Amino acid sequence: MLLALTAPLALGATPTPTWSVPADARIEHVEAGMQKGQEDNYMKEHCGDFTLSAEETLIYLRSAKVLPEAQVHDAFDWLPCVVRGTLVSGKKPRKVGFEISALFTAHIYEEGKPTVYLVCEGACATRMEKILVSHEK
């Protein structure tokens, strides 16, 4: 049985990082804009409509699921229109950076840990689409 559990690692597979939003988490900073390095991208004129409040960002982060980088890269798109910021939790604040694309794929950055990739499908996507529609009203 132990062989079955270790075999994928022995074959060179990279384990998918685990990540979840702590119960006491809050958004310390959130801003909409272009992905760093893409500030002059032709999509810039279309990005102004993509914004999320701190509460909406927490909804996304709590609803999205973690996937391996290769799977996200192969099966999901990314737009340079992003909401970025910092999630903070704990008494000795733990700070985690995030960048959420307008297509609801995301990167989570925490110092000393591998980047975590999130996607929003099914009920998550339905909920986030309703949020975006409410911004149009």
N, C-alpha and C. Protein backbone atom coordinates (compact mmCIF):
# COMPACT_ATOMS: atom_id res chain seq x y z
N MET A 1 0.82 -1.19 0.00
CA MET A 1 0.00 0.00 0.00
C MET A 1 0.86 1.25 0.00
N LEU A 2 1.95 1.25 0.76
CA LEU A 2 2.83 2.39 0.80
C LEU A 2 3.42 2.67 -0.58
N LEU A 3 3.72 1.65 -1.33
CA LEU A 3 4.26 1.80 -2.67
C LEU A 3 3.26 2.56 -3.55
N ALA A 4 2.00 2.25 -3.44
CA ALA A 4 0.97 2.91 -4.25
C ALA A 4 0.88 4.39 -3.90
N LEU A 5 1.10 4.73 -2.65
CA LEU A 5 1.02 6.13 -2.25
C LEU A 5 2.24 6.93 -2.69
N THR A 6 3.38 6.30 -2.78
CA THR A 6 4.59 7.01 -3.13
C THR A 6 4.95 6.91 -4.61
N ALA A 7 4.34 6.03 -5.33
CA ALA A 7 4.70 5.81 -6.74
C ALA A 7 4.61 7.08 -7.58
N PRO A 8 3.53 7.89 -7.51
CA PRO A 8 3.48 9.08 -8.36
C PRO A 8 4.63 10.04 -8.06
N LEU A 9 5.03 10.15 -6.81
CA LEU A 9 6.13 11.04 -6.48
C LEU A 9 7.44 10.49 -7.03
N ALA A 10 7.58 9.19 -6.97
CA ALA A 10 8.80 8.57 -7.47
C ALA A 10 8.92 8.73 -8.99
N LEU A 11 7.80 8.83 -9.67
CA LEU A 11 7.81 8.97 -11.13
C LEU A 11 7.99 10.42 -11.57
N GLY A 12 8.19 11.32 -10.61
CA GLY A 12 8.46 12.70 -10.96
C GLY A 12 7.24 13.60 -10.97
N ALA A 13 6.09 13.11 -10.58
CA ALA A 13 4.89 13.94 -10.55
C ALA A 13 5.03 14.97 -9.43
N THR A 14 4.61 16.18 -9.70
CA THR A 14 4.64 17.23 -8.69
C THR A 14 3.29 17.23 -7.98
N PRO A 15 3.30 17.12 -6.65
CA PRO A 15 2.01 17.12 -5.96
C PRO A 15 1.35 18.50 -6.06
N THR A 16 0.03 18.52 -6.09
CA THR A 16 -0.71 19.76 -6.13
C THR A 16 -0.69 20.37 -4.73
N PRO A 17 -0.28 21.64 -4.61
CA PRO A 17 -0.28 22.26 -3.29
C PRO A 17 -1.71 22.33 -2.74
N THR A 18 -1.83 22.25 -1.44
CA THR A 18 -3.14 22.42 -0.82
C THR A 18 -3.24 23.86 -0.33
N TRP A 19 -4.46 24.36 -0.30
CA TRP A 19 -4.67 25.73 0.15
C TRP A 19 -6.14 25.92 0.47
N SER A 20 -6.42 26.65 1.51
CA SER A 20 -7.80 27.02 1.82
C SER A 20 -7.77 28.36 2.54
N VAL A 21 -8.90 29.04 2.53
CA VAL A 21 -9.01 30.34 3.16
C VAL A 21 -9.28 30.12 4.65
N PRO A 22 -8.43 30.64 5.52
CA PRO A 22 -8.68 30.50 6.96
C PRO A 22 -9.99 31.18 7.36
N ALA A 23 -10.63 30.67 8.40
CA ALA A 23 -11.92 31.19 8.85
C ALA A 23 -11.84 32.68 9.23
N ASP A 24 -10.70 33.11 9.77
CA ASP A 24 -10.57 34.51 10.21
C ASP A 24 -9.97 35.43 9.14
N ALA A 25 -9.93 34.97 7.92
CA ALA A 25 -9.28 35.74 6.85
C ALA A 25 -10.06 37.01 6.51
N ARG A 26 -9.31 38.00 6.12
CA ARG A 26 -9.90 39.25 5.63
C ARG A 26 -9.02 39.75 4.48
N ILE A 27 -9.61 40.54 3.64
CA ILE A 27 -8.85 41.13 2.53
C ILE A 27 -8.29 42.46 3.02
N GLU A 28 -6.98 42.56 3.03
CA GLU A 28 -6.32 43.78 3.50
C GLU A 28 -6.25 44.82 2.39
N HIS A 29 -6.10 44.34 1.19
CA HIS A 29 -5.93 45.24 0.05
C HIS A 29 -6.51 44.55 -1.18
N VAL A 30 -7.23 45.29 -2.00
CA VAL A 30 -7.72 44.75 -3.26
C VAL A 30 -7.77 45.88 -4.28
N GLU A 31 -7.30 45.59 -5.50
CA GLU A 31 -7.35 46.58 -6.57
C GLU A 31 -7.49 45.87 -7.90
N ALA A 32 -8.18 46.54 -8.81
CA ALA A 32 -8.34 46.01 -10.16
C ALA A 32 -7.32 46.69 -11.06
N GLY A 33 -6.85 45.96 -12.06
CA GLY A 33 -5.90 46.54 -13.00
C GLY A 33 -5.41 45.50 -13.98
N MET A 34 -4.25 45.76 -14.52
CA MET A 34 -3.62 44.84 -15.47
C MET A 34 -2.57 44.01 -14.74
N GLN A 35 -2.41 42.79 -15.20
CA GLN A 35 -1.35 41.92 -14.67
C GLN A 35 -0.02 42.62 -14.86
N LYS A 36 0.83 42.52 -13.86
CA LYS A 36 2.15 43.17 -13.95
C LYS A 36 2.88 42.67 -15.20
N GLY A 37 3.43 43.62 -15.94
CA GLY A 37 4.12 43.31 -17.19
C GLY A 37 3.20 43.37 -18.40
N GLN A 38 1.89 43.52 -18.16
CA GLN A 38 0.92 43.57 -19.26
C GLN A 38 0.19 44.91 -19.32
N GLU A 39 0.75 45.92 -18.69
CA GLU A 39 0.08 47.22 -18.58
C GLU A 39 -0.25 47.85 -19.94
N ASP A 40 0.49 47.52 -20.98
CA ASP A 40 0.23 48.07 -22.31
C ASP A 40 -0.50 47.09 -23.23
N ASN A 41 -1.03 46.02 -22.68
CA ASN A 41 -1.73 45.01 -23.46
C ASN A 41 -2.97 45.63 -24.12
N TYR A 42 -3.28 45.17 -25.33
CA TYR A 42 -4.43 45.69 -26.07
C TYR A 42 -5.75 45.47 -25.32
N MET A 43 -5.78 44.55 -24.37
CA MET A 43 -7.01 44.27 -23.62
C MET A 43 -7.31 45.34 -22.56
N LYS A 44 -6.37 46.22 -22.32
CA LYS A 44 -6.50 47.19 -21.23
C LYS A 44 -7.81 47.96 -21.31
N GLU A 45 -8.22 48.35 -22.51
CA GLU A 45 -9.45 49.14 -22.66
C GLU A 45 -10.69 48.35 -22.24
N HIS A 46 -10.61 47.04 -22.19
CA HIS A 46 -11.75 46.21 -21.82
C HIS A 46 -11.73 45.78 -20.35
N CYS A 47 -10.68 46.11 -19.65
CA CYS A 47 -10.51 45.61 -18.29
C CYS A 47 -11.20 46.43 -17.22
N GLY A 48 -11.60 47.64 -17.54
CA GLY A 48 -12.21 48.51 -16.54
C GLY A 48 -13.46 47.95 -15.90
N ASP A 49 -14.14 47.05 -16.59
CA ASP A 49 -15.37 46.49 -16.06
C ASP A 49 -15.13 45.37 -15.05
N PHE A 50 -13.92 44.85 -14.97
CA PHE A 50 -13.66 43.73 -14.07
C PHE A 50 -13.15 44.24 -12.73
N THR A 51 -14.02 44.21 -11.75
CA THR A 51 -13.67 44.59 -10.38
C THR A 51 -14.35 43.63 -9.42
N LEU A 52 -13.77 43.48 -8.27
CA LEU A 52 -14.38 42.70 -7.18
C LEU A 52 -14.14 43.46 -5.89
N SER A 53 -15.14 43.48 -5.03
CA SER A 53 -14.96 44.07 -3.71
C SER A 53 -14.21 43.07 -2.83
N ALA A 54 -13.84 43.49 -1.64
CA ALA A 54 -13.17 42.58 -0.71
C ALA A 54 -14.07 41.38 -0.40
N GLU A 55 -15.34 41.62 -0.18
CA GLU A 55 -16.28 40.52 0.13
C GLU A 55 -16.42 39.57 -1.06
N GLU A 56 -16.52 40.11 -2.27
CA GLU A 56 -16.64 39.28 -3.46
C GLU A 56 -15.36 38.48 -3.71
N THR A 57 -14.23 39.07 -3.39
CA THR A 57 -12.96 38.36 -3.52
C THR A 57 -12.91 37.17 -2.57
N LEU A 58 -13.36 37.36 -1.34
CA LEU A 58 -13.41 36.24 -0.39
C LEU A 58 -14.35 35.14 -0.88
N ILE A 59 -15.47 35.53 -1.46
CA ILE A 59 -16.40 34.54 -2.02
C ILE A 59 -15.67 33.71 -3.08
N TYR A 60 -14.94 34.38 -3.97
CA TYR A 60 -14.19 33.66 -4.99
C TYR A 60 -13.16 32.72 -4.36
N LEU A 61 -12.34 33.26 -3.49
CA LEU A 61 -11.25 32.47 -2.90
C LEU A 61 -11.77 31.27 -2.12
N ARG A 62 -12.94 31.40 -1.51
CA ARG A 62 -13.52 30.29 -0.75
C ARG A 62 -14.21 29.28 -1.66
N SER A 63 -14.61 29.69 -2.85
CA SER A 63 -15.38 28.82 -3.74
C SER A 63 -14.54 28.12 -4.81
N ALA A 64 -13.45 28.72 -5.20
CA ALA A 64 -12.61 28.17 -6.27
C ALA A 64 -11.88 26.93 -5.78
N LYS A 65 -11.47 26.11 -6.73
CA LYS A 65 -10.76 24.88 -6.35
C LYS A 65 -9.32 24.92 -6.85
N VAL A 66 -8.47 24.21 -6.12
CA VAL A 66 -7.06 24.11 -6.46
C VAL A 66 -6.86 23.05 -7.52
N LEU A 67 -6.07 23.39 -8.54
CA LEU A 67 -5.70 22.42 -9.57
C LEU A 67 -4.19 22.51 -9.81
N PRO A 68 -3.60 21.44 -10.33
CA PRO A 68 -2.17 21.50 -10.68
C PRO A 68 -1.93 22.54 -11.78
N GLU A 69 -0.77 23.17 -11.73
CA GLU A 69 -0.43 24.20 -12.71
C GLU A 69 -0.58 23.71 -14.15
N ALA A 70 -0.11 22.51 -14.44
CA ALA A 70 -0.18 21.99 -15.81
C ALA A 70 -1.62 21.87 -16.28
N GLN A 71 -2.51 21.44 -15.41
CA GLN A 71 -3.92 21.29 -15.79
C GLN A 71 -4.55 22.66 -16.03
N VAL A 72 -4.23 23.63 -15.19
CA VAL A 72 -4.76 24.98 -15.37
C VAL A 72 -4.23 25.55 -16.69
N HIS A 73 -2.94 25.38 -16.92
CA HIS A 73 -2.32 25.91 -18.14
C HIS A 73 -2.94 25.29 -19.40
N ASP A 74 -3.22 23.99 -19.36
CA ASP A 74 -3.73 23.29 -20.53
C ASP A 74 -5.22 23.50 -20.77
N ALA A 75 -6.00 23.70 -19.71
CA ALA A 75 -7.45 23.67 -19.87
C ALA A 75 -8.17 24.99 -19.57
N PHE A 76 -7.46 25.99 -19.05
CA PHE A 76 -8.13 27.23 -18.66
C PHE A 76 -7.39 28.43 -19.24
N ASP A 77 -8.16 29.45 -19.57
CA ASP A 77 -7.58 30.67 -20.13
C ASP A 77 -7.31 31.69 -19.02
N TRP A 78 -6.48 32.67 -19.36
CA TRP A 78 -6.12 33.74 -18.44
C TRP A 78 -6.18 35.04 -19.22
N LEU A 79 -6.81 36.04 -18.65
CA LEU A 79 -6.78 37.39 -19.24
C LEU A 79 -5.92 38.27 -18.35
N PRO A 80 -5.25 39.26 -18.93
CA PRO A 80 -4.41 40.13 -18.12
C PRO A 80 -5.20 41.12 -17.26
N CYS A 81 -6.53 41.13 -17.38
CA CYS A 81 -7.38 41.95 -16.52
C CYS A 81 -7.49 41.21 -15.19
N VAL A 82 -7.01 41.82 -14.10
CA VAL A 82 -6.96 41.11 -12.84
C VAL A 82 -7.45 41.96 -11.68
N VAL A 83 -7.82 41.25 -10.63
CA VAL A 83 -8.00 41.85 -9.31
C VAL A 83 -6.89 41.24 -8.48
N ARG A 84 -6.10 42.10 -7.84
CA ARG A 84 -4.98 41.59 -7.03
C ARG A 84 -5.07 42.19 -5.63
N GLY A 85 -4.43 41.51 -4.71
CA GLY A 85 -4.44 42.04 -3.36
C GLY A 85 -3.79 41.11 -2.37
N THR A 86 -4.14 41.33 -1.11
CA THR A 86 -3.55 40.58 -0.02
C THR A 86 -4.64 40.09 0.92
N LEU A 87 -4.57 38.81 1.24
CA LEU A 87 -5.45 38.18 2.21
C LEU A 87 -4.64 38.03 3.50
N VAL A 88 -5.22 38.41 4.63
CA VAL A 88 -4.52 38.37 5.91
C VAL A 88 -5.33 37.53 6.88
N SER A 89 -4.64 36.73 7.69
CA SER A 89 -5.33 35.94 8.72
C SER A 89 -4.39 35.72 9.90
N GLY A 90 -4.98 35.39 11.03
CA GLY A 90 -4.21 35.04 12.22
C GLY A 90 -3.79 36.21 13.06
N LYS A 91 -3.44 35.90 14.33
CA LYS A 91 -2.99 36.94 15.27
C LYS A 91 -1.62 37.47 14.88
N LYS A 92 -0.73 36.57 14.51
CA LYS A 92 0.55 36.98 13.92
C LYS A 92 0.28 36.93 12.43
N PRO A 93 -0.07 38.06 11.84
CA PRO A 93 -0.64 38.04 10.49
C PRO A 93 0.13 37.21 9.47
N ARG A 94 -0.62 36.33 8.85
CA ARG A 94 -0.14 35.54 7.71
C ARG A 94 -0.68 36.27 6.48
N LYS A 95 0.21 36.70 5.60
CA LYS A 95 -0.20 37.45 4.41
C LYS A 95 0.00 36.59 3.17
N VAL A 96 -1.04 36.56 2.35
CA VAL A 96 -1.04 35.78 1.12
C VAL A 96 -1.46 36.71 -0.02
N GLY A 97 -0.64 36.77 -1.06
CA GLY A 97 -0.99 37.57 -2.22
C GLY A 97 -1.83 36.77 -3.20
N PHE A 98 -2.69 37.46 -3.92
CA PHE A 98 -3.51 36.78 -4.93
C PHE A 98 -3.65 37.66 -6.15
N GLU A 99 -3.93 37.00 -7.26
CA GLU A 99 -4.22 37.65 -8.53
C GLU A 99 -5.30 36.82 -9.20
N ILE A 100 -6.47 37.43 -9.41
CA ILE A 100 -7.61 36.74 -10.01
C ILE A 100 -7.86 37.34 -11.39
N SER A 101 -7.84 36.49 -12.41
CA SER A 101 -8.09 36.92 -13.77
C SER A 101 -9.60 37.10 -14.01
N ALA A 102 -9.93 37.92 -14.98
CA ALA A 102 -11.33 38.15 -15.34
C ALA A 102 -12.01 36.86 -15.81
N LEU A 103 -11.25 35.83 -16.11
CA LEU A 103 -11.83 34.53 -16.49
C LEU A 103 -11.91 33.58 -15.30
N PHE A 104 -11.71 34.13 -14.10
CA PHE A 104 -11.84 33.39 -12.83
C PHE A 104 -10.84 32.25 -12.67
N THR A 105 -9.65 32.47 -13.16
CA THR A 105 -8.52 31.63 -12.79
C THR A 105 -7.66 32.52 -11.89
N ALA A 106 -6.91 31.92 -10.98
CA ALA A 106 -6.16 32.74 -10.03
C ALA A 106 -4.83 32.11 -9.66
N HIS A 107 -3.95 32.96 -9.16
CA HIS A 107 -2.66 32.55 -8.59
C HIS A 107 -2.65 33.02 -7.14
N ILE A 108 -2.19 32.17 -6.26
CA ILE A 108 -2.03 32.51 -4.84
C ILE A 108 -0.54 32.45 -4.53
N TYR A 109 -0.02 33.53 -3.96
CA TYR A 109 1.41 33.62 -3.66
C TYR A 109 1.61 33.75 -2.15
N GLU A 110 2.34 32.81 -1.58
CA GLU A 110 2.67 32.89 -0.17
C GLU A 110 4.17 32.63 -0.03
N GLU A 111 4.85 33.55 0.64
CA GLU A 111 6.31 33.46 0.76
C GLU A 111 6.75 32.10 1.27
N GLY A 112 7.71 31.53 0.57
CA GLY A 112 8.28 30.25 0.97
C GLY A 112 7.46 29.03 0.57
N LYS A 113 6.38 29.26 -0.17
CA LYS A 113 5.52 28.15 -0.60
C LYS A 113 5.34 28.20 -2.12
N PRO A 114 5.03 27.05 -2.72
CA PRO A 114 4.80 27.07 -4.18
C PRO A 114 3.52 27.84 -4.53
N THR A 115 3.50 28.41 -5.71
CA THR A 115 2.31 29.11 -6.18
C THR A 115 1.15 28.12 -6.27
N VAL A 116 -0.02 28.56 -5.84
CA VAL A 116 -1.23 27.75 -5.90
C VAL A 116 -2.08 28.32 -7.03
N TYR A 117 -2.67 27.42 -7.83
CA TYR A 117 -3.51 27.81 -8.96
C TYR A 117 -4.95 27.44 -8.66
N LEU A 118 -5.85 28.40 -8.83
CA LEU A 118 -7.27 28.19 -8.56
C LEU A 118 -8.08 28.37 -9.84
N VAL A 119 -9.17 27.63 -9.92
CA VAL A 119 -10.14 27.80 -11.00
C VAL A 119 -11.54 27.81 -10.40
N CYS A 120 -12.44 28.41 -11.12
CA CYS A 120 -13.81 28.57 -10.65
C CYS A 120 -14.74 27.93 -11.69
N GLU A 121 -15.35 26.81 -11.31
CA GLU A 121 -16.25 26.09 -12.22
C GLU A 121 -17.56 25.81 -11.51
N GLY A 122 -18.55 25.40 -12.27
CA GLY A 122 -19.82 24.97 -11.69
C GLY A 122 -20.48 26.04 -10.85
N ALA A 123 -20.83 25.69 -9.61
CA ALA A 123 -21.53 26.62 -8.71
C ALA A 123 -20.70 27.88 -8.47
N CYS A 124 -19.40 27.73 -8.38
CA CYS A 124 -18.51 28.89 -8.20
C CYS A 124 -18.67 29.85 -9.37
N ALA A 125 -18.59 29.34 -10.58
CA ALA A 125 -18.71 30.18 -11.77
C ALA A 125 -20.08 30.85 -11.85
N THR A 126 -21.12 30.11 -11.53
CA THR A 126 -22.47 30.67 -11.55
C THR A 126 -22.58 31.83 -10.57
N ARG A 127 -22.06 31.63 -9.38
CA ARG A 127 -22.11 32.68 -8.36
C ARG A 127 -21.31 33.91 -8.78
N MET A 128 -20.12 33.70 -9.32
CA MET A 128 -19.28 34.83 -9.72
C MET A 128 -19.88 35.56 -10.92
N GLU A 129 -20.50 34.83 -11.84
CA GLU A 129 -21.15 35.49 -12.98
C GLU A 129 -22.30 36.37 -12.51
N LYS A 130 -23.04 35.93 -11.50
CA LYS A 130 -24.12 36.76 -10.93
C LYS A 130 -23.54 38.02 -10.31
N ILE A 131 -22.42 37.90 -9.65
CA ILE A 131 -21.77 39.08 -9.07
C ILE A 131 -21.39 40.07 -10.17
N LEU A 132 -20.79 39.58 -11.24
CA LEU A 132 -20.40 40.48 -12.33
C LEU A 132 -21.61 41.14 -12.98
N VAL A 133 -22.69 40.38 -13.15
CA VAL A 133 -23.91 40.96 -13.72
C VAL A 133 -24.45 42.06 -12.81
N SER A 134 -24.37 41.87 -11.49
CA SER A 134 -24.85 42.88 -10.57
C SER A 134 -24.04 44.17 -10.67
N HIS A 135 -22.80 44.09 -11.11
CA HIS A 135 -21.97 45.29 -11.31
C HIS A 135 -22.46 46.12 -12.48
N GLU A 136 -23.12 45.46 -13.43
CA GLU A 136 -23.61 46.15 -14.63
C GLU A 136 -24.84 46.98 -14.38
N LYS A 137 -25.52 46.72 -13.28
CA LYS A 137 -26.78 47.44 -13.00
C LYS A 137 -26.55 48.80 -12.40
